Amino acid sequence: MEKDRYLISCNQQLLEMFELAKHSKDTDRQKFRLEGYMQAGIELGIFTKQQADKIMNRAHRQVFLEDTESEQEATTN
């Protein structure tokens, strides 16, 4: 798997997991699978631990801040 495809796949899985968490769904299975997937990316030299953390934080913000921003807009209108 080429690096770009791996990163896209990783990001997509993160977004899906955070969407489930946002709706109070059980994410244990996805979480453990994704931890292993990201660790493999680190071991293969696709990204560093710090880069993996940034990818995860960006996906988290994308899912949860999107919701917060729409709530803020709704209360100001």
N, C-alpha and C. Protein backbone atom coordinates (compact mmCIF):
# COMPACT_ATOMS: atom_id res chain seq x y z
N MET A 1 0.86 -1.18 0.00
CA MET A 1 0.00 0.00 0.00
C MET A 1 0.90 1.23 0.00
N GLU A 2 0.61 2.15 -0.88
CA GLU A 2 1.43 3.35 -0.93
C GLU A 2 1.07 4.28 0.23
N LYS A 3 2.00 5.15 0.55
CA LYS A 3 1.89 6.02 1.72
C LYS A 3 0.61 6.86 1.71
N ASP A 4 0.31 7.50 0.58
CA ASP A 4 -0.87 8.36 0.52
C ASP A 4 -2.16 7.58 0.78
N ARG A 5 -2.26 6.41 0.19
CA ARG A 5 -3.46 5.58 0.41
C ARG A 5 -3.57 5.16 1.86
N TYR A 6 -2.44 4.86 2.47
CA TYR A 6 -2.43 4.46 3.89
C TYR A 6 -2.91 5.61 4.77
N LEU A 7 -2.41 6.81 4.50
CA LEU A 7 -2.82 7.98 5.28
C LEU A 7 -4.30 8.29 5.10
N ILE A 8 -4.79 8.18 3.87
CA ILE A 8 -6.21 8.42 3.60
C ILE A 8 -7.06 7.40 4.34
N SER A 9 -6.65 6.14 4.29
CA SER A 9 -7.37 5.09 4.97
C SER A 9 -7.38 5.31 6.48
N CYS A 10 -6.26 5.69 7.02
CA CYS A 10 -6.13 5.95 8.45
C CYS A 10 -7.07 7.10 8.85
N ASN A 11 -7.03 8.18 8.09
CA ASN A 11 -7.87 9.33 8.38
C ASN A 11 -9.35 8.97 8.31
N GLN A 12 -9.73 8.21 7.29
CA GLN A 12 -11.13 7.82 7.12
C GLN A 12 -11.60 6.97 8.30
N GLN A 13 -10.77 6.04 8.73
CA GLN A 13 -11.13 5.20 9.88
C GLN A 13 -11.27 6.02 11.15
N LEU A 14 -10.40 7.01 11.32
CA LEU A 14 -10.50 7.89 12.47
C LEU A 14 -11.81 8.68 12.45
N LEU A 15 -12.13 9.24 11.30
CA LEU A 15 -13.37 10.00 11.17
C LEU A 15 -14.59 9.14 11.48
N GLU A 16 -14.60 7.92 10.97
CA GLU A 16 -15.71 7.01 11.23
C GLU A 16 -15.82 6.67 12.71
N MET A 17 -14.68 6.41 13.35
CA MET A 17 -14.70 6.08 14.77
C MET A 17 -15.20 7.27 15.61
N PHE A 18 -14.72 8.47 15.30
CA PHE A 18 -15.14 9.65 16.06
C PHE A 18 -16.61 9.96 15.81
N GLU A 19 -17.11 9.72 14.61
CA GLU A 19 -18.55 9.91 14.34
C GLU A 19 -19.37 8.97 15.20
N LEU A 20 -18.95 7.73 15.31
CA LEU A 20 -19.65 6.78 16.18
C LEU A 20 -19.61 7.25 17.64
N ALA A 21 -18.45 7.69 18.07
CA ALA A 21 -18.31 8.16 19.46
C ALA A 21 -19.19 9.38 19.70
N LYS A 22 -19.28 10.26 18.72
CA LYS A 22 -20.09 11.47 18.85
C LYS A 22 -21.56 11.12 19.09
N HIS A 23 -21.98 10.00 18.52
CA HIS A 23 -23.37 9.57 18.67
C HIS A 23 -23.51 8.49 19.75
N SER A 24 -22.54 8.46 20.65
CA SER A 24 -22.55 7.56 21.81
C SER A 24 -22.63 6.08 21.44
N LYS A 25 -22.03 5.72 20.34
CA LYS A 25 -21.98 4.31 19.93
C LYS A 25 -20.71 3.68 20.49
N ASP A 26 -20.73 2.36 20.65
CA ASP A 26 -19.57 1.64 21.14
C ASP A 26 -18.47 1.66 20.07
N THR A 27 -17.29 2.14 20.45
CA THR A 27 -16.18 2.24 19.49
C THR A 27 -14.99 1.36 19.87
N ASP A 28 -15.16 0.50 20.87
CA ASP A 28 -14.02 -0.30 21.33
C ASP A 28 -13.37 -1.11 20.21
N ARG A 29 -14.18 -1.77 19.41
CA ARG A 29 -13.63 -2.62 18.35
C ARG A 29 -12.84 -1.77 17.34
N GLN A 30 -13.42 -0.66 16.90
CA GLN A 30 -12.74 0.21 15.95
C GLN A 30 -11.50 0.83 16.57
N LYS A 31 -11.61 1.21 17.83
CA LYS A 31 -10.49 1.85 18.51
C LYS A 31 -9.28 0.91 18.58
N PHE A 32 -9.48 -0.32 18.99
CA PHE A 32 -8.37 -1.27 19.10
C PHE A 32 -7.78 -1.60 17.73
N ARG A 33 -8.65 -1.77 16.75
CA ARG A 33 -8.19 -2.05 15.40
C ARG A 33 -7.37 -0.88 14.86
N LEU A 34 -7.86 0.32 15.07
CA LEU A 34 -7.19 1.51 14.57
C LEU A 34 -5.87 1.76 15.28
N GLU A 35 -5.80 1.46 16.58
CA GLU A 35 -4.52 1.59 17.29
C GLU A 35 -3.46 0.70 16.65
N GLY A 36 -3.84 -0.53 16.31
CA GLY A 36 -2.91 -1.45 15.66
C GLY A 36 -2.54 -0.98 14.27
N TYR A 37 -3.51 -0.46 13.55
CA TYR A 37 -3.27 0.04 12.20
C TYR A 37 -2.29 1.21 12.22
N MET A 38 -2.50 2.12 13.17
CA MET A 38 -1.61 3.28 13.28
C MET A 38 -0.22 2.86 13.76
N GLN A 39 -0.15 1.89 14.67
CA GLN A 39 1.15 1.41 15.13
C GLN A 39 1.91 0.76 13.97
N ALA A 40 1.19 0.05 13.10
CA ALA A 40 1.83 -0.53 11.91
C ALA A 40 2.40 0.58 11.03
N GLY A 41 1.65 1.67 10.88
CA GLY A 41 2.14 2.81 10.09
C GLY A 41 3.42 3.39 10.67
N ILE A 42 3.51 3.43 11.98
CA ILE A 42 4.71 3.92 12.65
C ILE A 42 5.87 2.94 12.40
N GLU A 43 5.62 1.67 12.59
CA GLU A 43 6.65 0.65 12.41
C GLU A 43 7.15 0.59 10.97
N LEU A 44 6.28 0.83 10.03
CA LEU A 44 6.66 0.80 8.61
C LEU A 44 7.31 2.09 8.15
N GLY A 45 7.36 3.08 9.03
CA GLY A 45 7.99 4.35 8.69
C GLY A 45 7.12 5.26 7.84
N ILE A 46 5.82 4.99 7.83
CA ILE A 46 4.90 5.83 7.06
C ILE A 46 4.72 7.18 7.74
N PHE A 47 4.66 7.15 9.05
CA PHE A 47 4.63 8.39 9.84
C PHE A 47 5.23 8.13 11.20
N THR A 48 5.55 9.21 11.90
CA THR A 48 6.10 9.10 13.25
C THR A 48 4.94 9.10 14.26
N LYS A 49 5.25 8.81 15.49
CA LYS A 49 4.25 8.86 16.56
C LYS A 49 3.64 10.25 16.64
N GLN A 50 4.47 11.28 16.52
CA GLN A 50 3.99 12.66 16.59
C GLN A 50 3.06 12.97 15.41
N GLN A 51 3.40 12.49 14.23
CA GLN A 51 2.54 12.71 13.08
C GLN A 51 1.22 11.95 13.23
N ALA A 52 1.29 10.75 13.78
CA ALA A 52 0.08 9.97 14.02
C ALA A 52 -0.83 10.70 15.00
N ASP A 53 -0.25 11.29 16.04
CA ASP A 53 -1.03 12.06 17.00
C ASP A 53 -1.69 13.26 16.34
N LYS A 54 -0.98 13.92 15.44
CA LYS A 54 -1.54 15.07 14.73
C LYS A 54 -2.71 14.66 13.84
N ILE A 55 -2.55 13.53 13.15
CA ILE A 55 -3.62 13.02 12.29
C ILE A 55 -4.85 12.72 13.13
N MET A 56 -4.64 12.08 14.27
CA MET A 56 -5.75 11.73 15.15
C MET A 56 -6.42 12.99 15.71
N ASN A 57 -5.63 13.95 16.15
CA ASN A 57 -6.19 15.18 16.71
C ASN A 57 -6.96 15.97 15.66
N ARG A 58 -6.45 16.00 14.45
CA ARG A 58 -7.13 16.72 13.37
C ARG A 58 -8.49 16.09 13.08
N ALA A 59 -8.54 14.77 13.01
CA ALA A 59 -9.80 14.08 12.75
C ALA A 59 -10.78 14.31 13.91
N HIS A 60 -10.27 14.29 15.13
CA HIS A 60 -11.11 14.53 16.30
C HIS A 60 -11.72 15.93 16.25
N ARG A 61 -10.90 16.92 15.95
CA ARG A 61 -11.40 18.29 15.84
C ARG A 61 -12.41 18.41 14.72
N GLN A 62 -12.12 17.76 13.60
CA GLN A 62 -13.02 17.84 12.46
C GLN A 62 -14.41 17.34 12.82
N VAL A 63 -14.49 16.25 13.55
CA VAL A 63 -15.78 15.67 13.90
C VAL A 63 -16.45 16.45 15.04
N PHE A 64 -15.72 16.73 16.10
CA PHE A 64 -16.35 17.32 17.27
C PHE A 64 -16.48 18.83 17.21
N LEU A 65 -15.55 19.53 16.59
CA LEU A 65 -15.68 20.98 16.48
C LEU A 65 -16.72 21.36 15.45
N GLU A 66 -16.88 20.55 14.44
CA GLU A 66 -17.91 20.79 13.44
C GLU A 66 -19.27 20.86 14.13
N ASP A 67 -19.50 19.96 15.04
CA ASP A 67 -20.75 19.93 15.79
C ASP A 67 -20.87 21.16 16.69
N THR A 68 -19.79 21.52 17.35
CA THR A 68 -19.79 22.67 18.25
C THR A 68 -20.04 23.96 17.48
N GLU A 69 -19.41 24.10 16.33
CA GLU A 69 -19.60 25.31 15.53
C GLU A 69 -21.03 25.44 15.04
N SER A 70 -21.65 24.35 14.63
CA SER A 70 -23.04 24.43 14.16
C SER A 70 -23.97 24.74 15.32
N GLU A 71 -23.67 24.25 16.52
CA GLU A 71 -24.48 24.58 17.69
C GLU A 71 -24.35 26.07 18.01
N GLN A 72 -23.15 26.60 17.92
CA GLN A 72 -22.95 28.03 18.20
C GLN A 72 -23.69 28.88 17.20
N GLU A 73 -23.67 28.51 15.93
CA GLU A 73 -24.40 29.25 14.92
C GLU A 73 -25.89 29.23 15.18
N ALA A 74 -26.40 28.11 15.61
CA ALA A 74 -27.83 27.96 15.87
C ALA A 74 -28.27 28.85 17.04
N THR A 75 -27.42 29.00 18.05
CA THR A 75 -27.79 29.82 19.20
C THR A 75 -27.65 31.31 18.93
N THR A 76 -26.82 31.69 17.95
CA THR A 76 -26.65 33.11 17.64
C THR A 76 -27.68 33.58 16.63
N ASN A 77 -28.36 32.66 15.96
CA ASN A 77 -29.37 33.05 14.95
C ASN A 77 -30.75 33.11 15.54
